[in-house]
Each structure stands twice: as structure tokens, then as C-alpha cells.
């Protein structure tokens, strides 16, 4: 892979990004308090919206590619906001957290989402209602995510991943998986597209890949740890065969899930971890730091790669 397009017009670090599931759109959030919408197929920025009053930290699409949900970064208002990108209007506010929101995941099949905060709560929401639909208390910094079907969700903290049935979460987790003694703060938890795998990144620079049905720890990758104010992010490729991740030293790494071995590593000019997401159904991923980069296949090396296969 190589960088095919780079956008360098940011005035702060990119804190979050998300690809829409069924369109060619990408949305980013940045420390310069901007939300930007891109057309990936045309490699163009379509719109930039400022959130000067509230700031912006985490951002993700709803099922509508012109509507996003985002968290604040001003230190005094931890509400989540549903924003129309068409006319820059707030459609709804979601109030409930009392400290910074560090995890945000939407259910792709339903109008619900989940958020985790440093106030040690995980809240369950319906996009159509301002009040949360459920509350779970945790003992640490939480990372939370829905699977693609919206049937289960995972909450990670304290060295364990707790699995919940979204229809009866109030009964507690139906499974608790260990990640091998790594008790450092959870950063990101994610499911593969087919739901068979899940990954967890932690503050100490570990990326754990597990079988999401049995809880078996399949492999653990290690990169340079991230600072307390940073997030180590990783992403499955669309078919779940590879994992790409950032690193505390700014490098970008790729691993084979089957072998557990590193298959590629790229040096960048950054010294902090990249936000990283793989485009759904595409041979492309994006990284965000002080600039936004689209990574595409390096065609000059493709023949040699096919020859090895």
C-alpha cells in the first residue's frame, strides 16, 4: 500500500473519522474544531463545518450519509449531538454523561447507539429520544462497540471484554473474555465485518485479536505505547484477514490475522498515533494525524506480491 492522496489543510490533529457503510463518504473530526465531509471516490472535500462553541472529538455517521453524531471537546458540556450536514442544524442533543466521552458506536441495523465516558458509565441510546435508554456502570475507562448485526455489544475495561445481548443487557454480560493479563486502559474495541473476530487496543500499545464467539485470544501485536491523551486505534480489513494500526511513534503497521505476523510497516513524519479506518468493501484505508491520507495499493509491487502467492 502507498499514500494515494493527502489533505494537508488541517490546523489541528484529526481526532476521529468514519466511513459511511453504503456510500463513498468519509467524515473527520479535528482539534481545529472542524467536521469535514469527503467524497472518497472523487478524492474531494465536499464540506467543512465548524463547531467552535462545543469543539468536536469523536464523530460517526448514522445510516443517513448526511447526518452525523459527535461528542464535544470543550470540557464543560459532554452532550452528544446529532447534526445535519446538509444545513448545519442540530437535530437532537443527548445529555447524560458528566465527563469526556471516549467511545462511540452506532448500530448499523437499528436507530440506536452506545457511548462510554470517563465518568465510568456506558449509556445506551435511541437516536429518536433525547434521554438514554439504559445505563451500565464500569470500573475504568470503557471502550464499547456493537457488532454489525446489532444483536450484541462489547464493553472492554480492566483487562476483560464483556459481551452483552442488546435485547436483555440489564441481565449483565453473557460472556466475559480475558485479554491475557493486559490491564492497561482500553482504547478501542471493534468487531470484524462478519462478526467472527474482535480486536481491542490498549494504552500500553497492545492490539489483541479474539474469536468473538469463544473468546479465544488468537494473537497479540505490540507497538510503541501511546500517551495518556492519545488513542491507539486499529481496524480490520473488510474480509477480516488483516489488521492495520497506528503506533505511539507515528508508524503505521499491518498484520496477518491468520499468521499473527507483521506483513508491512510504514514510516511517517508523525510522532503521535494515527486515527485509522479501513473503507468498507474497498482496498483502501485512511489515516488521520495532522493530515488526512488515503492509502491505496502500490501497483508497482502488485506483480511481485501475486507471484509469491
C-alpha atoms as a PDB file:
ATOM      1  CA  UNK A   1       0.000   0.000   0.000  1.00  0.00           C
ATOM      2  CA  UNK A   2       1.047   3.610  -0.557  1.00  0.00           C
ATOM      3  CA  UNK A   3      -0.461   7.032   0.028  1.00  0.00           C
ATOM      4  CA  UNK A   4      -2.537   7.997  -2.991  1.00  0.00           C
ATOM      5  CA  UNK A   5      -3.961  11.296  -1.735  1.00  0.00           C
ATOM      6  CA  UNK A   6      -3.071  13.607   1.139  1.00  0.00           C
ATOM      7  CA  UNK A   7      -5.053  16.554   2.545  1.00  0.00           C
ATOM      8  CA  UNK A   8      -2.791  18.917   4.471  1.00  0.00           C
ATOM      9  CA  UNK A   9      -5.141  21.814   5.237  1.00  0.00           C
ATOM     10  CA  UNK A  10      -5.854  20.896   8.873  1.00  0.00           C
ATOM     11  CA  UNK A  11      -4.910  23.271  11.695  1.00  0.00           C
ATOM     12  CA  UNK A  12      -5.026  20.579  14.361  1.00  0.00           C
ATOM     13  CA  UNK A  13      -4.786  16.822  14.748  1.00  0.00           C
ATOM     14  CA  UNK A  14      -7.560  14.617  13.403  1.00  0.00           C
ATOM     15  CA  UNK A  15      -9.215  13.014  16.440  1.00  0.00           C
ATOM     16  CA  UNK A  16     -11.718  10.733  14.712  1.00  0.00           C
ATOM     17  CA  UNK A  17     -13.011   9.575  11.333  1.00  0.00           C
ATOM     18  CA  UNK A  18     -15.698   7.317   9.942  1.00  0.00           C
ATOM     19  CA  UNK A  19     -16.625   5.817   6.582  1.00  0.00           C
ATOM     20  CA  UNK A  20     -20.293   5.552   5.690  1.00  0.00           C
ATOM     21  CA  UNK A  21     -21.367   1.926   5.269  1.00  0.00           C
ATOM     22  CA  UNK A  22     -23.054   2.213   1.865  1.00  0.00           C
ATOM     23  CA  UNK A  23     -21.844   5.458   0.266  1.00  0.00           C
ATOM     24  CA  UNK A  24     -18.412   6.774  -0.698  1.00  0.00           C
ATOM     25  CA  UNK A  25     -18.382   9.381   2.063  1.00  0.00           C
ATOM     26  CA  UNK A  26     -15.842   9.871   4.848  1.00  0.00           C
ATOM     27  CA  UNK A  27     -16.247  12.252   7.790  1.00  0.00           C
ATOM     28  CA  UNK A  28     -13.450  13.546  10.023  1.00  0.00           C
ATOM     29  CA  UNK A  29     -13.269  15.462  13.300  1.00  0.00           C
ATOM     30  CA  UNK A  30     -10.268  17.589  14.173  1.00  0.00           C
ATOM     31  CA  UNK A  31      -8.759  19.559  17.040  1.00  0.00           C
ATOM     32  CA  UNK A  32      -9.217  22.654  14.885  1.00  0.00           C
ATOM     33  CA  UNK A  33     -12.922  22.239  15.799  1.00  0.00           C
ATOM     34  CA  UNK A  34     -13.968  21.280  12.286  1.00  0.00           C
ATOM     35  CA  UNK A  35     -16.091  18.447  10.889  1.00  0.00           C
ATOM     36  CA  UNK A  36     -15.249  17.676   7.262  1.00  0.00           C
ATOM     37  CA  UNK A  37     -17.106  15.584   4.714  1.00  0.00           C
ATOM     38  CA  UNK A  38     -15.186  13.887   1.869  1.00  0.00           C
ATOM     39  CA  UNK A  39     -16.194  12.068  -1.267  1.00  0.00           C
ATOM     40  CA  UNK A  40     -13.642   9.256  -1.337  1.00  0.00           C
ATOM     41  CA  UNK A  41     -14.363   8.220  -4.934  1.00  0.00           C
ATOM     42  CA  UNK A  42     -13.667  11.746  -6.127  1.00  0.00           C
ATOM     43  CA  UNK A  43     -10.902  12.409  -3.556  1.00  0.00           C
ATOM     44  CA  UNK A  44     -12.517  15.739  -2.700  1.00  0.00           C
ATOM     45  CA  UNK A  45     -13.590  17.608   0.415  1.00  0.00           C
ATOM     46  CA  UNK A  46     -17.268  18.451  -0.023  1.00  0.00           C
ATOM     47  CA  UNK A  47     -17.898  20.465   3.109  1.00  0.00           C
ATOM     48  CA  UNK A  48     -16.296  21.782   6.299  1.00  0.00           C
ATOM     49  CA  UNK A  49     -18.435  22.718   9.308  1.00  0.00           C
ATOM     50  CA  UNK A  50     -17.049  24.393  12.417  1.00  0.00           C
ATOM     51  CA  UNK A  51     -18.077  23.515  15.961  1.00  0.00           C
ATOM     52  CA  UNK A  52     -16.334  26.370  17.743  1.00  0.00           C
ATOM     53  CA  UNK A  53     -18.691  26.506  20.705  1.00  0.00           C
ATOM     54  CA  UNK A  54     -18.601  22.831  21.649  1.00  0.00           C
ATOM     55  CA  UNK A  55     -15.488  21.519  19.954  1.00  0.00           C
ATOM     56  CA  UNK A  56     -15.544  18.051  18.412  1.00  0.00           C
ATOM     57  CA  UNK A  57     -13.811  14.823  19.406  1.00  0.00           C
ATOM     58  CA  UNK A  58     -15.494  11.606  18.202  1.00  0.00           C
ATOM     59  CA  UNK A  59     -17.669  11.533  15.080  1.00  0.00           C
ATOM     60  CA  UNK A  60     -19.587   8.835  13.227  1.00  0.00           C
ATOM     61  CA  UNK A  61     -22.217   8.538  10.528  1.00  0.00           C
ATOM     62  CA  UNK A  62     -25.781   7.473  11.094  1.00  0.00           C
ATOM     63  CA  UNK A  63     -27.473   5.382   8.395  1.00  0.00           C
ATOM     64  CA  UNK A  64     -28.022   8.692   6.565  1.00  0.00           C
ATOM     65  CA  UNK A  65     -24.760   9.854   4.915  1.00  0.00           C
ATOM     66  CA  UNK A  66     -25.722  13.493   5.538  1.00  0.00           C
ATOM     67  CA  UNK A  67     -26.223  13.073   9.304  1.00  0.00           C
ATOM     68  CA  UNK A  68     -23.507  12.542  11.894  1.00  0.00           C
ATOM     69  CA  UNK A  69     -23.306  12.057  15.638  1.00  0.00           C
ATOM     70  CA  UNK A  70     -20.438  13.666  17.515  1.00  0.00           C
ATOM     71  CA  UNK A  71     -19.071  14.267  21.004  1.00  0.00           C
ATOM     72  CA  UNK A  72     -17.888  17.565  22.455  1.00  0.00           C
ATOM     73  CA  UNK A  73     -14.400  18.606  23.444  1.00  0.00           C
ATOM     74  CA  UNK A  74     -14.867  21.847  25.358  1.00  0.00           C
ATOM     75  CA  UNK A  75     -14.583  20.433  28.872  1.00  0.00           C
ATOM     76  CA  UNK A  76     -17.890  21.787  30.146  1.00  0.00           C
ATOM     77  CA  UNK A  77     -20.625  20.213  28.021  1.00  0.00           C
ATOM     78  CA  UNK A  78     -20.399  16.464  27.452  1.00  0.00           C
ATOM     79  CA  UNK A  79     -23.611  16.200  25.418  1.00  0.00           C
ATOM     80  CA  UNK A  80     -23.672  14.221  22.192  1.00  0.00           C
ATOM     81  CA  UNK A  81     -25.116  15.966  19.151  1.00  0.00           C
ATOM     82  CA  UNK A  82     -26.942  14.753  16.071  1.00  0.00           C
ATOM     83  CA  UNK A  83     -26.010  17.106  13.234  1.00  0.00           C
ATOM     84  CA  UNK A  84     -27.387  17.501   9.727  1.00  0.00           C
ATOM     85  CA  UNK A  85     -24.537  18.182   7.320  1.00  0.00           C
ATOM     86  CA  UNK A  86     -26.998  19.450   4.721  1.00  0.00           C
ATOM     87  CA  UNK A  87     -27.952  22.609   6.559  1.00  0.00           C
ATOM     88  CA  UNK A  88     -25.627  22.567   9.605  1.00  0.00           C
ATOM     89  CA  UNK A  89     -28.516  22.181  12.057  1.00  0.00           C
ATOM     90  CA  UNK A  90     -28.698  20.161  15.242  1.00  0.00           C
ATOM     91  CA  UNK A  91     -31.447  17.568  15.115  1.00  0.00           C
ATOM     92  CA  UNK A  92     -31.130  16.366  18.706  1.00  0.00           C
ATOM     93  CA  UNK A  93     -28.999  16.620  21.851  1.00  0.00           C
ATOM     94  CA  UNK A  94     -28.206  13.617  24.036  1.00  0.00           C
ATOM     95  CA  UNK A  95     -27.396  14.600  27.617  1.00  0.00           C
ATOM     96  CA  UNK A  96     -26.297  12.127  30.256  1.00  0.00           C
ATOM     97  CA  UNK A  97     -22.513  11.951  30.564  1.00  0.00           C
ATOM     98  CA  UNK A  98     -20.588  14.071  33.068  1.00  0.00           C
ATOM     99  CA  UNK A  99     -17.068  13.615  31.728  1.00  0.00           C
ATOM    100  CA  UNK A 100     -15.368  13.230  28.348  1.00  0.00           C
ATOM    101  CA  UNK A 101     -16.885  10.641  26.012  1.00  0.00           C
ATOM    102  CA  UNK A 102     -14.107   8.268  24.877  1.00  0.00           C
ATOM    103  CA  UNK A 103     -16.096   5.655  22.965  1.00  0.00           C
ATOM    104  CA  UNK A 104     -18.962   5.944  20.493  1.00  0.00           C
ATOM    105  CA  UNK A 105     -20.541   3.215  18.359  1.00  0.00           C
ATOM    106  CA  UNK A 106     -23.681   3.184  16.229  1.00  0.00           C
ATOM    107  CA  UNK A 107     -25.704   0.109  15.423  1.00  0.00           C
ATOM    108  CA  UNK A 108     -25.794  -0.131  11.629  1.00  0.00           C
ATOM    109  CA  UNK A 109     -29.111  -2.043  11.534  1.00  0.00           C
ATOM    110  CA  UNK A 110     -31.101  -0.012  14.068  1.00  0.00           C
ATOM    111  CA  UNK A 111     -31.536   3.581  15.265  1.00  0.00           C
ATOM    112  CA  UNK A 112     -29.518   3.009  18.435  1.00  0.00           C
ATOM    113  CA  UNK A 113     -26.000   3.769  19.620  1.00  0.00           C
ATOM    114  CA  UNK A 114     -23.768   3.312  22.648  1.00  0.00           C
ATOM    115  CA  UNK A 115     -21.353   5.706  24.350  1.00  0.00           C
ATOM    116  CA  UNK A 116     -18.676   5.249  27.004  1.00  0.00           C
ATOM    117  CA  UNK A 117     -17.257   8.014  29.170  1.00  0.00           C
ATOM    118  CA  UNK A 118     -14.520   8.756  31.685  1.00  0.00           C
ATOM    119  CA  UNK A 119     -17.365   9.188  34.187  1.00  0.00           C
ATOM    120  CA  UNK A 120     -17.301   5.362  34.228  1.00  0.00           C
ATOM    121  CA  UNK A 121     -20.676   4.895  32.632  1.00  0.00           C
ATOM    122  CA  UNK A 122     -21.784   3.333  29.361  1.00  0.00           C
ATOM    123  CA  UNK A 123     -25.085   4.714  28.071  1.00  0.00           C
ATOM    124  CA  UNK A 124     -27.430   3.156  25.524  1.00  0.00           C
ATOM    125  CA  UNK A 125     -29.408   5.495  23.293  1.00  0.00           C
ATOM    126  CA  UNK A 126     -32.117   5.658  20.669  1.00  0.00           C
ATOM    127  CA  UNK A 127     -31.487   8.355  18.045  1.00  0.00           C
ATOM    128  CA  UNK A 128     -35.154   9.327  18.257  1.00  0.00           C
ATOM    129  CA  UNK A 129     -35.098  10.108  22.011  1.00  0.00           C
ATOM    130  CA  UNK A 130     -33.045  12.627  23.977  1.00  0.00           C
ATOM    131  CA  UNK A 131     -32.845  10.543  27.152  1.00  0.00           C
ATOM    132  CA  UNK A 132     -30.699   7.440  27.398  1.00  0.00           C
ATOM    133  CA  UNK A 133     -32.447   4.075  27.261  1.00  0.00           C
ATOM    134  CA  UNK A 134     -30.042   2.283  29.569  1.00  0.00           C
ATOM    135  CA  UNK A 135     -27.042   2.760  31.858  1.00  0.00           C
ATOM    136  CA  UNK A 136     -24.201   0.411  32.755  1.00  0.00           C
ATOM    137  CA  UNK A 137     -21.543   1.300  35.324  1.00  0.00           C
ATOM    138  CA  UNK A 138     -17.937   0.220  34.747  1.00  0.00           C
ATOM    139  CA  UNK A 139     -14.727   0.226  36.781  1.00  0.00           C
ATOM    140  CA  UNK A 140     -12.384   2.064  34.439  1.00  0.00           C
ATOM    141  CA  UNK A 141     -12.105   3.764  31.068  1.00  0.00           C
ATOM    142  CA  UNK A 142     -14.557   1.925  28.787  1.00  0.00           C
ATOM    143  CA  UNK A 143     -14.367   1.006  25.112  1.00  0.00           C
ATOM    144  CA  UNK A 144     -17.688  -0.086  23.606  1.00  0.00           C
ATOM    145  CA  UNK A 145     -18.916  -1.352  20.236  1.00  0.00           C
ATOM    146  CA  UNK A 146     -21.898  -3.003  18.561  1.00  0.00           C
ATOM    147  CA  UNK A 147     -21.452  -5.951  16.256  1.00  0.00           C
ATOM    148  CA  UNK A 148     -22.613  -5.405  12.670  1.00  0.00           C
ATOM    149  CA  UNK A 149     -25.980  -7.073  13.271  1.00  0.00           C
ATOM    150  CA  UNK A 150     -26.735  -5.073  16.398  1.00  0.00           C
ATOM    151  CA  UNK A 151     -27.505  -8.269  18.310  1.00  0.00           C
ATOM    152  CA  UNK A 152     -24.658  -7.956  20.815  1.00  0.00           C
ATOM    153  CA  UNK A 153     -22.359  -5.245  22.057  1.00  0.00           C
ATOM    154  CA  UNK A 154     -19.000  -5.402  23.812  1.00  0.00           C
ATOM    155  CA  UNK A 155     -17.649  -3.293  26.667  1.00  0.00           C
ATOM    156  CA  UNK A 156     -13.929  -3.516  27.443  1.00  0.00           C
ATOM    157  CA  UNK A 157     -12.142  -2.313  30.574  1.00  0.00           C
ATOM    158  CA  UNK A 158      -9.727  -3.666  33.173  1.00  0.00           C
ATOM    159  CA  UNK A 159      -8.255  -6.438  31.041  1.00  0.00           C
ATOM    160  CA  UNK A 160     -11.577  -8.033  30.073  1.00  0.00           C
ATOM    161  CA  UNK A 161     -14.183  -7.754  27.316  1.00  0.00           C
ATOM    162  CA  UNK A 162     -17.762  -8.171  28.496  1.00  0.00           C
ATOM    163  CA  UNK A 163     -20.324  -9.363  25.949  1.00  0.00           C
ATOM    164  CA  UNK A 164     -23.953  -8.229  26.253  1.00  0.00           C
ATOM    165  CA  UNK A 165     -27.152  -9.233  24.485  1.00  0.00           C
ATOM    166  CA  UNK A 166     -28.563  -5.889  23.331  1.00  0.00           C
ATOM    167  CA  UNK A 167     -32.123  -7.129  23.967  1.00  0.00           C
ATOM    168  CA  UNK A 168     -31.510  -8.010  27.635  1.00  0.00           C
ATOM    169  CA  UNK A 169     -28.354  -6.142  28.611  1.00  0.00           C
ATOM    170  CA  UNK A 170     -29.805  -5.383  32.057  1.00  0.00           C
ATOM    171  CA  UNK A 171     -29.160  -9.033  32.990  1.00  0.00           C
ATOM    172  CA  UNK A 172     -25.426  -8.423  32.717  1.00  0.00           C
ATOM    173  CA  UNK A 173     -22.804  -9.900  30.385  1.00  0.00           C
ATOM    174  CA  UNK A 174     -23.411 -13.377  28.991  1.00  0.00           C
ATOM    175  CA  UNK A 175     -19.668 -13.869  28.406  1.00  0.00           C
ATOM    176  CA  UNK A 176     -16.501 -12.320  29.833  1.00  0.00           C
ATOM    177  CA  UNK A 177     -13.291 -12.713  27.821  1.00  0.00           C
ATOM    178  CA  UNK A 178      -9.772 -12.153  29.152  1.00  0.00           C
ATOM    179  CA  UNK A 179      -7.086 -10.485  27.062  1.00  0.00           C
ATOM    180  CA  UNK A 180      -4.178 -12.232  28.735  1.00  0.00           C
ATOM    181  CA  UNK A 181      -3.367 -10.052  31.714  1.00  0.00           C
ATOM    182  CA  UNK A 182      -3.168  -6.684  29.925  1.00  0.00           C
ATOM    183  CA  UNK A 183      -4.952  -4.412  32.408  1.00  0.00           C
ATOM    184  CA  UNK A 184      -3.934  -1.074  30.891  1.00  0.00           C
ATOM    185  CA  UNK A 185      -6.698   1.304  29.831  1.00  0.00           C
ATOM    186  CA  UNK A 186      -8.841   0.123  26.940  1.00  0.00           C
ATOM    187  CA  UNK A 187      -8.731   2.396  23.893  1.00  0.00           C
ATOM    188  CA  UNK A 188     -10.790   0.846  21.085  1.00  0.00           C
ATOM    189  CA  UNK A 189     -12.846  -2.344  20.734  1.00  0.00           C
ATOM    190  CA  UNK A 190     -14.177  -3.422  17.312  1.00  0.00           C
ATOM    191  CA  UNK A 191     -15.816  -6.357  15.545  1.00  0.00           C
ATOM    192  CA  UNK A 192     -14.823  -7.621  12.124  1.00  0.00           C
ATOM    193  CA  UNK A 193     -17.463  -7.187   9.415  1.00  0.00           C
ATOM    194  CA  UNK A 194     -18.596 -10.807   9.670  1.00  0.00           C
ATOM    195  CA  UNK A 195     -18.710 -10.626  13.473  1.00  0.00           C
ATOM    196  CA  UNK A 196     -16.401 -13.604  13.948  1.00  0.00           C
ATOM    197  CA  UNK A 197     -13.449 -11.610  15.254  1.00  0.00           C
ATOM    198  CA  UNK A 198     -12.946  -8.684  17.552  1.00  0.00           C
ATOM    199  CA  UNK A 199      -9.967  -6.536  18.475  1.00  0.00           C
ATOM    200  CA  UNK A 200      -9.036  -4.463  21.492  1.00  0.00           C
ATOM    201  CA  UNK A 201      -6.304  -1.832  21.672  1.00  0.00           C
ATOM    202  CA  UNK A 202      -4.869  -0.644  24.970  1.00  0.00           C
ATOM    203  CA  UNK A 203      -2.839   2.276  26.268  1.00  0.00           C
ATOM    204  CA  UNK A 204       0.274   0.124  26.710  1.00  0.00           C
ATOM    205  CA  UNK A 205       0.487  -0.439  22.951  1.00  0.00           C
ATOM    206  CA  UNK A 206      -1.159  -3.863  22.658  1.00  0.00           C
ATOM    207  CA  UNK A 207      -3.615  -4.957  19.974  1.00  0.00           C
ATOM    208  CA  UNK A 208      -5.456  -8.136  20.939  1.00  0.00           C
ATOM    209  CA  UNK A 209      -7.422 -10.172  18.375  1.00  0.00           C
ATOM    210  CA  UNK A 210     -10.011 -12.619  19.698  1.00  0.00           C
ATOM    211  CA  UNK A 211     -12.564 -15.105  18.422  1.00  0.00           C
ATOM    212  CA  UNK A 212     -15.768 -13.255  19.292  1.00  0.00           C
ATOM    213  CA  UNK A 213     -17.767 -16.474  19.829  1.00  0.00           C
ATOM    214  CA  UNK A 214     -15.387 -18.488  22.003  1.00  0.00           C
ATOM    215  CA  UNK A 215     -13.311 -15.650  23.432  1.00  0.00           C
ATOM    216  CA  UNK A 216     -10.076 -17.351  22.379  1.00  0.00           C
ATOM    217  CA  UNK A 217      -7.154 -14.927  22.231  1.00  0.00           C
ATOM    218  CA  UNK A 218      -5.813 -15.548  18.712  1.00  0.00           C
ATOM    219  CA  UNK A 219      -2.913 -13.118  18.655  1.00  0.00           C
ATOM    220  CA  UNK A 220      -1.470 -10.024  20.298  1.00  0.00           C
ATOM    221  CA  UNK A 221       0.525  -7.386  18.470  1.00  0.00           C
ATOM    222  CA  UNK A 222       2.683  -4.832  20.212  1.00  0.00           C
ATOM    223  CA  UNK A 223       3.542  -1.284  19.124  1.00  0.00           C
ATOM    224  CA  UNK A 224       5.023   1.678  20.941  1.00  0.00           C
ATOM    225  CA  UNK A 225       2.643   2.786  23.726  1.00  0.00           C
ATOM    226  CA  UNK A 226       0.595   5.945  23.290  1.00  0.00           C
ATOM    227  CA  UNK A 227       0.496   8.977  25.579  1.00  0.00           C
ATOM    228  CA  UNK A 228      -2.315   9.403  28.086  1.00  0.00           C
ATOM    229  CA  UNK A 229      -4.071  11.956  25.872  1.00  0.00           C
ATOM    230  CA  UNK A 230      -3.832   9.828  22.726  1.00  0.00           C
ATOM    231  CA  UNK A 231      -5.753   6.821  21.432  1.00  0.00           C
ATOM    232  CA  UNK A 232      -4.291   3.718  19.822  1.00  0.00           C
ATOM    233  CA  UNK A 233      -6.626   2.763  17.001  1.00  0.00           C
ATOM    234  CA  UNK A 234      -6.700  -0.330  14.804  1.00  0.00           C
ATOM    235  CA  UNK A 235      -9.020  -1.562  12.064  1.00  0.00           C
ATOM    236  CA  UNK A 236      -9.866  -4.866  10.379  1.00  0.00           C
ATOM    237  CA  UNK A 237      -9.667  -5.099   6.604  1.00  0.00           C
ATOM    238  CA  UNK A 238     -13.134  -5.714   5.079  1.00  0.00           C
ATOM    239  CA  UNK A 239     -12.720  -9.509   4.847  1.00  0.00           C
ATOM    240  CA  UNK A 240     -11.096  -9.708   8.295  1.00  0.00           C
ATOM    241  CA  UNK A 241      -7.758 -11.134   7.150  1.00  0.00           C
ATOM    242  CA  UNK A 242      -5.600  -8.165   8.158  1.00  0.00           C
ATOM    243  CA  UNK A 243      -5.362  -5.604  10.932  1.00  0.00           C
ATOM    244  CA  UNK A 244      -3.858  -2.156  10.416  1.00  0.00           C
ATOM    245  CA  UNK A 245      -2.973   0.093  13.323  1.00  0.00           C
ATOM    246  CA  UNK A 246      -1.263   3.270  14.388  1.00  0.00           C
ATOM    247  CA  UNK A 247       1.561   3.421  16.909  1.00  0.00           C
ATOM    248  CA  UNK A 248       2.908   5.722  19.611  1.00  0.00           C
ATOM    249  CA  UNK A 249       5.873   6.589  17.374  1.00  0.00           C
ATOM    250  CA  UNK A 250       3.702   7.554  14.389  1.00  0.00           C
ATOM    251  CA  UNK A 251       4.346   4.415  12.340  1.00  0.00           C
ATOM    252  CA  UNK A 252       1.554   2.503  10.608  1.00  0.00           C
ATOM    253  CA  UNK A 253       1.596  -1.303  10.893  1.00  0.00           C
ATOM    254  CA  UNK A 254      -0.260  -4.185   9.235  1.00  0.00           C
ATOM    255  CA  UNK A 255      -0.576  -7.776  10.479  1.00  0.00           C
ATOM    256  CA  UNK A 256      -1.949 -11.015   9.109  1.00  0.00           C
ATOM    257  CA  UNK A 257      -4.685 -12.335  11.391  1.00  0.00           C
ATOM    258  CA  UNK A 258      -4.045 -15.935  10.282  1.00  0.00           C
ATOM    259  CA  UNK A 259      -0.291 -15.996  10.921  1.00  0.00           C
ATOM    260  CA  UNK A 260      -0.150 -13.318  13.607  1.00  0.00           C
ATOM    261  CA  UNK A 261       2.909 -11.847  11.875  1.00  0.00           C
ATOM    262  CA  UNK A 262       3.545  -8.285  10.787  1.00  0.00           C
ATOM    263  CA  UNK A 263       3.297  -8.044   6.997  1.00  0.00           C
ATOM    264  CA  UNK A 264       4.005  -4.327   6.486  1.00  0.00           C
ATOM    265  CA  UNK A 265       5.155  -1.209   8.301  1.00  0.00           C
ATOM    266  CA  UNK A 266       5.312   2.356   7.064  1.00  0.00           C
ATOM    267  CA  UNK A 267       7.345   5.228   8.486  1.00  0.00           C
ATOM    268  CA  UNK A 268       5.516   8.556   8.565  1.00  0.00           C
ATOM    269  CA  UNK A 269       6.544  12.053   9.555  1.00  0.00           C
ATOM    270  CA  UNK A 270       4.248  11.965  12.574  1.00  0.00           C
ATOM    271  CA  UNK A 271       5.323  11.315  16.168  1.00  0.00           C
ATOM    272  CA  UNK A 272       1.855  10.501  17.519  1.00  0.00           C
ATOM    273  CA  UNK A 273      -0.546   7.658  16.693  1.00  0.00           C
ATOM    274  CA  UNK A 274      -2.771   7.897  13.650  1.00  0.00           C
ATOM    275  CA  UNK A 275      -6.507   7.549  13.623  1.00  0.00           C
ATOM    276  CA  UNK A 276      -7.050   4.702  11.165  1.00  0.00           C
ATOM    277  CA  UNK A 277     -10.068   3.214   9.378  1.00  0.00           C
ATOM    278  CA  UNK A 278     -10.450   0.739   6.524  1.00  0.00           C
ATOM    279  CA  UNK A 279     -13.016   1.681   3.875  1.00  0.00           C
ATOM    280  CA  UNK A 280     -15.954  -0.781   3.765  1.00  0.00           C
ATOM    281  CA  UNK A 281     -15.638  -3.198   0.860  1.00  0.00           C
ATOM    282  CA  UNK A 282     -12.626  -1.404  -0.611  1.00  0.00           C
ATOM    283  CA  UNK A 283      -8.912  -1.992  -0.946  1.00  0.00           C
ATOM    284  CA  UNK A 284      -8.199   1.315   0.761  1.00  0.00           C
ATOM    285  CA  UNK A 285      -7.732   2.648   4.248  1.00  0.00           C
ATOM    286  CA  UNK A 286      -7.375   6.167   5.628  1.00  0.00           C
ATOM    287  CA  UNK A 287      -5.113   7.553   8.328  1.00  0.00           C
ATOM    288  CA  UNK A 288      -5.534  10.827  10.148  1.00  0.00           C
ATOM    289  CA  UNK A 289      -2.985  12.838  12.100  1.00  0.00           C
ATOM    290  CA  UNK A 290      -2.074  16.426  11.300  1.00  0.00           C
ATOM    291  CA  UNK A 291      -3.142  15.471   7.782  1.00  0.00           C
ATOM    292  CA  UNK A 292      -5.554  13.040   6.143  1.00  0.00           C
ATOM    293  CA  UNK A 293      -4.108  10.300   3.920  1.00  0.00           C
ATOM    294  CA  UNK A 294      -5.808   7.785   1.624  1.00  0.00           C
ATOM    295  CA  UNK A 295      -3.810   4.549   1.254  1.00  0.00           C
ATOM    296  CA  UNK A 296      -4.223   2.503  -1.932  1.00  0.00           C
ATOM    297  CA  UNK A 297      -2.411  -0.483  -3.496  1.00  0.00           C
ATOM    298  CA  UNK A 298       1.112   0.163  -4.740  1.00  0.00           C
ATOM    299  CA  UNK A 299       0.671  -1.235  -8.258  1.00  0.00           C
ATOM    300  CA  UNK A 300       4.428  -1.364  -8.856  1.00  0.00           C
ATOM    301  CA  UNK A 301       4.683  -4.087  -6.179  1.00  0.00           C
ATOM    302  CA  UNK A 302       1.493  -5.941  -7.021  1.00  0.00           C
ATOM    303  CA  UNK A 303       3.045  -8.326  -9.581  1.00  0.00           C
ATOM    304  CA  UNK A 304       5.710  -9.446  -7.115  1.00  0.00           C
ATOM    305  CA  UNK A 305       3.068  -9.988  -4.418  1.00  0.00           C
ATOM    306  CA  UNK A 306       0.886 -12.104  -6.726  1.00  0.00           C
ATOM    307  CA  UNK A 307       3.975 -14.078  -7.745  1.00  0.00           C
ATOM    308  CA  UNK A 308       4.635 -15.029  -4.115  1.00  0.00           C
ATOM    309  CA  UNK A 309       1.079 -16.287  -3.834  1.00  0.00           C
END
